[in-house]
Amino acid sequence: MVMPIPDGYPQLVAYLTVRDGNAAIDFYRRALGAKEIERHTLPDGRIAHAQIQLGAAVVMISDELPGLPAPATLGGTAVTLYLFVNDVDEVFAAALEAGATALRPVQDAPFGDRTGQILDPYGHRWSIATHVEDVDPAELDRRMGTA
């Protein structure tokens, strides 16, 4: 029987449209440790559809195609992808080395994550984080002054 959610996939999957999908997949491999699952290219070499794995997450990717604009075409993105990793400092440095732009340096956040934010070369914003402390809601309110 066909399952409504395929085996090995979470219920929500990010689908990124980029300019130069082949280079983007290479960037995500070098910067974030992505593993390529599959890649389907058009006769002109552009990515029609690809999938990468980041830990337990699957991210789908395509080149900019009619009806699928990349962030550069839209003037940016309002979405931030939040990626948990074992060592945020290491992955953040690798992302910068691979060509990302730092938007916010790595720092400890009041909600218990050590996190920094980058803009990848394809216009997608990523918060990269390592969870370092469990913070209960009352303590978070106290730290943020929202109690």
N, C-alpha and C. Protein backbone atom coordinates (compact mmCIF):
# COMPACT_ATOMS: atom_id res chain seq x y z
N MET A 1 0.84 -1.18 0.00
CA MET A 1 0.00 0.00 0.00
C MET A 1 0.89 1.25 0.00
N VAL A 2 0.53 2.21 -0.79
CA VAL A 2 1.27 3.47 -0.85
C VAL A 2 0.92 4.30 0.37
N MET A 3 1.95 4.81 1.02
CA MET A 3 1.75 5.63 2.23
C MET A 3 1.58 7.10 1.82
N PRO A 4 0.70 7.85 2.50
CA PRO A 4 0.51 9.26 2.16
C PRO A 4 1.75 10.11 2.42
N ILE A 5 2.59 9.70 3.36
CA ILE A 5 3.88 10.34 3.61
C ILE A 5 4.93 9.26 3.35
N PRO A 6 5.80 9.45 2.35
CA PRO A 6 6.76 8.40 2.01
C PRO A 6 7.66 8.03 3.18
N ASP A 7 8.03 6.76 3.24
CA ASP A 7 8.97 6.30 4.27
C ASP A 7 10.25 7.13 4.20
N GLY A 8 10.74 7.52 5.36
CA GLY A 8 11.99 8.26 5.43
C GLY A 8 11.84 9.76 5.27
N TYR A 9 10.62 10.24 5.09
CA TYR A 9 10.39 11.68 4.92
C TYR A 9 9.60 12.23 6.09
N PRO A 10 9.99 13.42 6.57
CA PRO A 10 9.17 14.08 7.59
C PRO A 10 7.92 14.65 6.92
N GLN A 11 6.99 15.09 7.71
CA GLN A 11 5.75 15.63 7.15
C GLN A 11 5.97 16.95 6.43
N LEU A 12 6.95 17.72 6.85
CA LEU A 12 7.25 19.02 6.23
C LEU A 12 8.65 18.98 5.65
N VAL A 13 8.77 19.33 4.37
CA VAL A 13 10.06 19.34 3.68
C VAL A 13 10.25 20.71 3.04
N ALA A 14 11.39 21.34 3.29
CA ALA A 14 11.69 22.61 2.63
C ALA A 14 12.02 22.33 1.16
N TYR A 15 11.53 23.21 0.27
CA TYR A 15 11.83 23.12 -1.16
C TYR A 15 12.45 24.44 -1.57
N LEU A 16 13.74 24.43 -1.87
CA LEU A 16 14.47 25.65 -2.18
C LEU A 16 14.64 25.81 -3.69
N THR A 17 14.27 26.97 -4.19
CA THR A 17 14.53 27.32 -5.58
C THR A 17 15.77 28.20 -5.60
N VAL A 18 16.70 27.89 -6.48
CA VAL A 18 17.98 28.59 -6.52
C VAL A 18 18.37 28.90 -7.95
N ARG A 19 19.30 29.80 -8.10
CA ARG A 19 19.98 30.00 -9.38
C ARG A 19 21.25 29.16 -9.31
N ASP A 20 21.43 28.27 -10.25
CA ASP A 20 22.57 27.35 -10.33
C ASP A 20 22.47 26.25 -9.27
N GLY A 21 21.52 25.38 -9.48
CA GLY A 21 21.26 24.29 -8.55
C GLY A 21 22.45 23.35 -8.35
N ASN A 22 23.21 23.12 -9.40
CA ASN A 22 24.38 22.24 -9.26
C ASN A 22 25.38 22.83 -8.28
N ALA A 23 25.64 24.13 -8.39
CA ALA A 23 26.56 24.79 -7.46
C ALA A 23 25.97 24.84 -6.06
N ALA A 24 24.65 25.02 -5.97
CA ALA A 24 24.00 25.07 -4.65
C ALA A 24 24.15 23.74 -3.92
N ILE A 25 23.95 22.64 -4.62
CA ILE A 25 24.10 21.33 -3.98
C ILE A 25 25.53 21.16 -3.48
N ASP A 26 26.49 21.58 -4.28
CA ASP A 26 27.89 21.50 -3.85
C ASP A 26 28.13 22.37 -2.62
N PHE A 27 27.55 23.59 -2.60
CA PHE A 27 27.68 24.47 -1.44
C PHE A 27 27.10 23.81 -0.19
N TYR A 28 25.89 23.27 -0.28
CA TYR A 28 25.25 22.66 0.88
C TYR A 28 26.05 21.45 1.37
N ARG A 29 26.70 20.74 0.46
CA ARG A 29 27.56 19.62 0.85
C ARG A 29 28.77 20.13 1.63
N ARG A 30 29.47 21.14 1.08
CA ARG A 30 30.68 21.65 1.72
C ARG A 30 30.37 22.43 2.99
N ALA A 31 29.32 23.24 2.96
CA ALA A 31 29.02 24.14 4.08
C ALA A 31 28.27 23.47 5.21
N LEU A 32 27.31 22.62 4.88
CA LEU A 32 26.41 22.08 5.89
C LEU A 32 26.51 20.56 6.05
N GLY A 33 27.35 19.92 5.27
CA GLY A 33 27.49 18.47 5.37
C GLY A 33 26.37 17.69 4.72
N ALA A 34 25.68 18.30 3.76
CA ALA A 34 24.55 17.64 3.09
C ALA A 34 25.03 16.42 2.30
N LYS A 35 24.14 15.45 2.21
CA LYS A 35 24.37 14.28 1.38
C LYS A 35 23.31 14.29 0.28
N GLU A 36 23.76 14.10 -0.95
CA GLU A 36 22.82 14.10 -2.08
C GLU A 36 22.05 12.80 -2.11
N ILE A 37 20.72 12.91 -2.22
CA ILE A 37 19.86 11.73 -2.33
C ILE A 37 19.59 11.43 -3.80
N GLU A 38 19.19 12.46 -4.55
CA GLU A 38 18.93 12.28 -5.97
C GLU A 38 19.02 13.62 -6.68
N ARG A 39 19.24 13.54 -8.01
CA ARG A 39 19.33 14.75 -8.84
C ARG A 39 18.80 14.42 -10.23
N HIS A 40 17.89 15.25 -10.72
CA HIS A 40 17.31 15.08 -12.05
C HIS A 40 17.55 16.38 -12.83
N THR A 41 18.29 16.27 -13.92
CA THR A 41 18.66 17.47 -14.66
C THR A 41 17.92 17.55 -15.99
N LEU A 42 17.68 18.78 -16.40
CA LEU A 42 17.08 19.06 -17.70
C LEU A 42 18.17 18.95 -18.77
N PRO A 43 17.80 18.86 -20.04
CA PRO A 43 18.81 18.76 -21.10
C PRO A 43 19.83 19.90 -21.09
N ASP A 44 19.44 21.08 -20.59
CA ASP A 44 20.38 22.21 -20.55
C ASP A 44 21.26 22.20 -19.29
N GLY A 45 21.12 21.17 -18.45
CA GLY A 45 21.96 21.03 -17.27
C GLY A 45 21.36 21.59 -15.98
N ARG A 46 20.26 22.34 -16.09
CA ARG A 46 19.63 22.87 -14.88
C ARG A 46 18.97 21.74 -14.09
N ILE A 47 18.84 21.97 -12.79
CA ILE A 47 18.20 20.99 -11.90
C ILE A 47 16.68 21.13 -12.02
N ALA A 48 16.03 20.06 -12.43
CA ALA A 48 14.57 20.03 -12.43
C ALA A 48 14.08 19.69 -11.02
N HIS A 49 14.79 18.78 -10.38
CA HIS A 49 14.45 18.37 -9.01
C HIS A 49 15.64 17.62 -8.43
N ALA A 50 15.96 17.96 -7.19
CA ALA A 50 17.01 17.25 -6.46
C ALA A 50 16.60 17.17 -5.00
N GLN A 51 17.22 16.24 -4.30
CA GLN A 51 16.98 16.10 -2.87
C GLN A 51 18.31 15.89 -2.17
N ILE A 52 18.47 16.60 -1.04
CA ILE A 52 19.64 16.42 -0.19
C ILE A 52 19.16 16.07 1.20
N GLN A 53 20.05 15.48 1.97
CA GLN A 53 19.74 15.14 3.35
C GLN A 53 20.68 15.90 4.27
N LEU A 54 20.09 16.54 5.27
CA LEU A 54 20.83 17.23 6.33
C LEU A 54 20.41 16.58 7.64
N GLY A 55 21.23 15.67 8.15
CA GLY A 55 20.82 14.91 9.33
C GLY A 55 19.59 14.10 9.00
N ALA A 56 18.52 14.28 9.77
CA ALA A 56 17.27 13.57 9.52
C ALA A 56 16.35 14.32 8.57
N ALA A 57 16.74 15.52 8.17
CA ALA A 57 15.89 16.36 7.32
C ALA A 57 16.19 16.14 5.84
N VAL A 58 15.15 16.26 5.03
CA VAL A 58 15.27 16.23 3.58
C VAL A 58 14.96 17.63 3.08
N VAL A 59 15.78 18.12 2.16
CA VAL A 59 15.55 19.41 1.51
C VAL A 59 15.51 19.16 0.02
N MET A 60 14.46 19.66 -0.63
CA MET A 60 14.34 19.54 -2.08
C MET A 60 14.84 20.84 -2.71
N ILE A 61 15.40 20.71 -3.92
CA ILE A 61 16.02 21.84 -4.60
C ILE A 61 15.67 21.80 -6.07
N SER A 62 15.43 22.97 -6.64
CA SER A 62 15.35 23.07 -8.10
C SER A 62 15.97 24.38 -8.54
N ASP A 63 16.39 24.41 -9.79
CA ASP A 63 16.81 25.67 -10.37
C ASP A 63 15.58 26.54 -10.58
N GLU A 64 15.83 27.82 -10.75
CA GLU A 64 14.75 28.75 -11.06
C GLU A 64 14.16 28.34 -12.41
N LEU A 65 12.87 28.10 -12.42
CA LEU A 65 12.14 27.68 -13.61
C LEU A 65 10.86 28.52 -13.70
N PRO A 66 10.17 28.51 -14.82
CA PRO A 66 8.91 29.27 -14.89
C PRO A 66 7.97 28.90 -13.74
N GLY A 67 7.55 29.91 -12.99
CA GLY A 67 6.67 29.69 -11.85
C GLY A 67 7.40 29.36 -10.56
N LEU A 68 8.71 29.21 -10.61
CA LEU A 68 9.52 28.90 -9.43
C LEU A 68 10.65 29.93 -9.31
N PRO A 69 10.35 31.11 -8.78
CA PRO A 69 11.38 32.14 -8.68
C PRO A 69 12.34 31.89 -7.51
N ALA A 70 13.59 32.26 -7.72
CA ALA A 70 14.60 32.20 -6.67
C ALA A 70 14.53 33.47 -5.84
N PRO A 71 15.09 33.47 -4.63
CA PRO A 71 15.07 34.67 -3.79
C PRO A 71 15.61 35.92 -4.50
N ALA A 72 16.65 35.76 -5.33
CA ALA A 72 17.21 36.93 -6.02
C ALA A 72 16.18 37.59 -6.93
N THR A 73 15.33 36.79 -7.54
CA THR A 73 14.28 37.33 -8.41
C THR A 73 13.22 38.05 -7.60
N LEU A 74 12.97 37.55 -6.39
CA LEU A 74 11.93 38.12 -5.53
C LEU A 74 12.45 39.28 -4.67
N GLY A 75 13.75 39.53 -4.71
CA GLY A 75 14.32 40.57 -3.87
C GLY A 75 14.59 40.11 -2.45
N GLY A 76 14.70 38.81 -2.23
CA GLY A 76 15.00 38.26 -0.91
C GLY A 76 13.97 37.23 -0.50
N THR A 77 14.09 36.78 0.74
CA THR A 77 13.17 35.78 1.29
C THR A 77 12.76 36.18 2.70
N ALA A 78 11.56 35.81 3.08
CA ALA A 78 11.08 36.06 4.44
C ALA A 78 11.20 34.81 5.30
N VAL A 79 11.75 33.74 4.74
CA VAL A 79 11.84 32.46 5.43
C VAL A 79 13.26 32.25 5.96
N THR A 80 13.35 31.72 7.18
CA THR A 80 14.64 31.30 7.73
C THR A 80 14.56 29.82 8.03
N LEU A 81 15.54 29.06 7.55
CA LEU A 81 15.64 27.64 7.85
C LEU A 81 16.47 27.49 9.12
N TYR A 82 15.98 26.71 10.08
CA TYR A 82 16.66 26.53 11.37
C TYR A 82 17.24 25.13 11.38
N LEU A 83 18.56 25.03 11.39
CA LEU A 83 19.25 23.75 11.28
C LEU A 83 20.03 23.45 12.55
N PHE A 84 19.68 22.36 13.23
CA PHE A 84 20.44 21.91 14.40
C PHE A 84 21.62 21.05 13.94
N VAL A 85 22.78 21.30 14.51
CA VAL A 85 24.00 20.55 14.20
C VAL A 85 24.72 20.23 15.50
N ASN A 86 25.69 19.33 15.44
CA ASN A 86 26.44 18.96 16.64
C ASN A 86 27.38 20.06 17.10
N ASP A 87 27.96 20.82 16.16
CA ASP A 87 28.93 21.86 16.51
C ASP A 87 28.67 23.10 15.66
N VAL A 88 27.89 24.03 16.21
CA VAL A 88 27.50 25.22 15.46
C VAL A 88 28.70 26.04 15.03
N ASP A 89 29.70 26.15 15.89
CA ASP A 89 30.87 26.96 15.54
C ASP A 89 31.60 26.39 14.33
N GLU A 90 31.74 25.09 14.29
CA GLU A 90 32.41 24.42 13.17
C GLU A 90 31.62 24.58 11.87
N VAL A 91 30.31 24.33 11.91
CA VAL A 91 29.49 24.41 10.71
C VAL A 91 29.37 25.86 10.24
N PHE A 92 29.23 26.79 11.16
CA PHE A 92 29.16 28.21 10.80
C PHE A 92 30.43 28.63 10.07
N ALA A 93 31.59 28.23 10.59
CA ALA A 93 32.86 28.56 9.95
C ALA A 93 32.96 27.92 8.57
N ALA A 94 32.51 26.67 8.44
CA ALA A 94 32.54 25.99 7.14
C ALA A 94 31.63 26.69 6.14
N ALA A 95 30.47 27.16 6.60
CA ALA A 95 29.55 27.88 5.71
C ALA A 95 30.18 29.17 5.20
N LEU A 96 30.84 29.90 6.08
CA LEU A 96 31.50 31.14 5.66
C LEU A 96 32.63 30.83 4.68
N GLU A 97 33.40 29.80 4.96
CA GLU A 97 34.50 29.40 4.08
C GLU A 97 33.97 29.00 2.70
N ALA A 98 32.78 28.40 2.66
CA ALA A 98 32.18 27.95 1.40
C ALA A 98 31.50 29.08 0.63
N GLY A 99 31.39 30.28 1.24
CA GLY A 99 30.83 31.41 0.51
C GLY A 99 29.60 32.05 1.10
N ALA A 100 29.14 31.59 2.26
CA ALA A 100 27.99 32.22 2.92
C ALA A 100 28.39 33.57 3.50
N THR A 101 27.39 34.40 3.76
CA THR A 101 27.58 35.69 4.41
C THR A 101 27.03 35.60 5.83
N ALA A 102 27.80 36.05 6.81
CA ALA A 102 27.33 36.05 8.19
C ALA A 102 26.31 37.17 8.37
N LEU A 103 25.14 36.83 8.87
CA LEU A 103 24.11 37.82 9.20
C LEU A 103 24.12 38.12 10.69
N ARG A 104 24.38 37.10 11.49
CA ARG A 104 24.46 37.24 12.95
C ARG A 104 25.51 36.26 13.44
N PRO A 105 26.49 36.73 14.21
CA PRO A 105 27.54 35.82 14.67
C PRO A 105 26.99 34.76 15.63
N VAL A 106 27.73 33.70 15.78
CA VAL A 106 27.35 32.64 16.72
C VAL A 106 27.41 33.19 18.13
N GLN A 107 26.33 32.96 18.87
CA GLN A 107 26.25 33.41 20.26
C GLN A 107 25.24 32.56 21.01
N ASP A 108 25.34 32.58 22.33
CA ASP A 108 24.37 31.87 23.15
C ASP A 108 23.08 32.68 23.21
N ALA A 109 21.96 32.02 22.95
CA ALA A 109 20.65 32.67 22.96
C ALA A 109 19.92 32.34 24.26
N PRO A 110 18.99 33.20 24.69
CA PRO A 110 18.30 32.98 25.97
C PRO A 110 17.44 31.72 25.99
N PHE A 111 17.08 31.20 24.83
CA PHE A 111 16.21 30.03 24.77
C PHE A 111 16.96 28.71 24.81
N GLY A 112 18.29 28.75 24.99
CA GLY A 112 19.05 27.53 25.20
C GLY A 112 19.83 27.01 24.01
N ASP A 113 19.83 27.74 22.91
CA ASP A 113 20.61 27.33 21.75
C ASP A 113 21.79 28.27 21.57
N ARG A 114 22.88 27.72 21.10
CA ARG A 114 24.01 28.52 20.62
C ARG A 114 23.78 28.61 19.11
N THR A 115 23.61 29.82 18.59
CA THR A 115 23.14 29.96 17.22
C THR A 115 23.75 31.15 16.51
N GLY A 116 23.90 31.02 15.21
CA GLY A 116 24.32 32.11 14.34
C GLY A 116 23.51 32.03 13.06
N GLN A 117 23.50 33.11 12.30
CA GLN A 117 22.68 33.13 11.09
C GLN A 117 23.52 33.52 9.88
N ILE A 118 23.28 32.81 8.78
CA ILE A 118 23.98 33.08 7.52
C ILE A 118 22.98 33.31 6.40
N LEU A 119 23.47 33.93 5.34
CA LEU A 119 22.76 34.00 4.07
C LEU A 119 23.59 33.19 3.10
N ASP A 120 22.98 32.16 2.51
CA ASP A 120 23.76 31.35 1.58
C ASP A 120 23.90 32.10 0.25
N PRO A 121 24.79 31.67 -0.63
CA PRO A 121 25.01 32.40 -1.88
C PRO A 121 23.80 32.41 -2.82
N TYR A 122 22.75 31.68 -2.47
CA TYR A 122 21.57 31.55 -3.32
C TYR A 122 20.37 32.30 -2.75
N GLY A 123 20.62 33.09 -1.68
CA GLY A 123 19.59 33.96 -1.13
C GLY A 123 18.76 33.37 -0.01
N HIS A 124 19.10 32.18 0.46
CA HIS A 124 18.34 31.55 1.54
C HIS A 124 19.03 31.80 2.88
N ARG A 125 18.21 32.15 3.87
CA ARG A 125 18.70 32.47 5.22
C ARG A 125 18.62 31.21 6.09
N TRP A 126 19.72 30.95 6.81
CA TRP A 126 19.81 29.78 7.68
C TRP A 126 20.22 30.21 9.07
N SER A 127 19.52 29.75 10.08
CA SER A 127 20.00 29.83 11.46
C SER A 127 20.59 28.46 11.76
N ILE A 128 21.84 28.45 12.15
CA ILE A 128 22.53 27.20 12.47
C ILE A 128 22.68 27.17 13.99
N ALA A 129 22.33 26.04 14.60
CA ALA A 129 22.26 26.01 16.07
C ALA A 129 22.70 24.68 16.64
N THR A 130 23.21 24.77 17.86
CA THR A 130 23.45 23.61 18.71
C THR A 130 22.70 23.87 20.01
N HIS A 131 21.86 22.93 20.42
CA HIS A 131 21.12 23.09 21.68
C HIS A 131 22.09 22.83 22.83
N VAL A 132 22.23 23.81 23.73
CA VAL A 132 23.21 23.69 24.82
C VAL A 132 22.57 23.72 26.21
N GLU A 133 21.28 24.08 26.29
CA GLU A 133 20.64 24.19 27.60
C GLU A 133 19.13 24.03 27.44
N ASP A 134 18.53 23.24 28.32
CA ASP A 134 17.07 23.15 28.37
C ASP A 134 16.57 24.30 29.23
N VAL A 135 15.69 25.12 28.69
CA VAL A 135 15.17 26.30 29.39
C VAL A 135 13.66 26.17 29.48
N ASP A 136 13.12 26.17 30.71
CA ASP A 136 11.67 26.07 30.85
C ASP A 136 11.02 27.41 30.48
N PRO A 137 9.74 27.40 30.11
CA PRO A 137 9.07 28.61 29.64
C PRO A 137 9.12 29.78 30.62
N ALA A 138 9.00 29.52 31.92
CA ALA A 138 9.04 30.62 32.90
C ALA A 138 10.42 31.28 32.92
N GLU A 139 11.47 30.47 32.84
CA GLU A 139 12.83 31.01 32.81
C GLU A 139 13.08 31.79 31.52
N LEU A 140 12.55 31.30 30.42
CA LEU A 140 12.70 32.03 29.15
C LEU A 140 12.01 33.39 29.23
N ASP A 141 10.81 33.42 29.79
CA ASP A 141 10.11 34.71 29.98
C ASP A 141 10.95 35.65 30.84
N ARG A 142 11.54 35.12 31.91
CA ARG A 142 12.37 35.95 32.78
C ARG A 142 13.56 36.51 32.00
N ARG A 143 14.24 35.65 31.26
CA ARG A 143 15.42 36.08 30.50
C ARG A 143 15.09 37.11 29.42
N MET A 144 13.93 36.96 28.82
CA MET A 144 13.56 37.85 27.72
C MET A 144 12.77 39.07 28.19
N GLY A 145 12.43 39.08 29.48
CA GLY A 145 11.64 40.20 30.01
C GLY A 145 10.21 40.22 29.53
N THR A 146 9.68 39.03 29.22
CA THR A 146 8.31 38.94 28.72
C THR A 146 7.33 38.42 29.76
N ALA A 147 7.80 38.18 30.98
CA ALA A 147 6.93 37.63 32.03
C ALA A 147 5.93 38.66 32.52
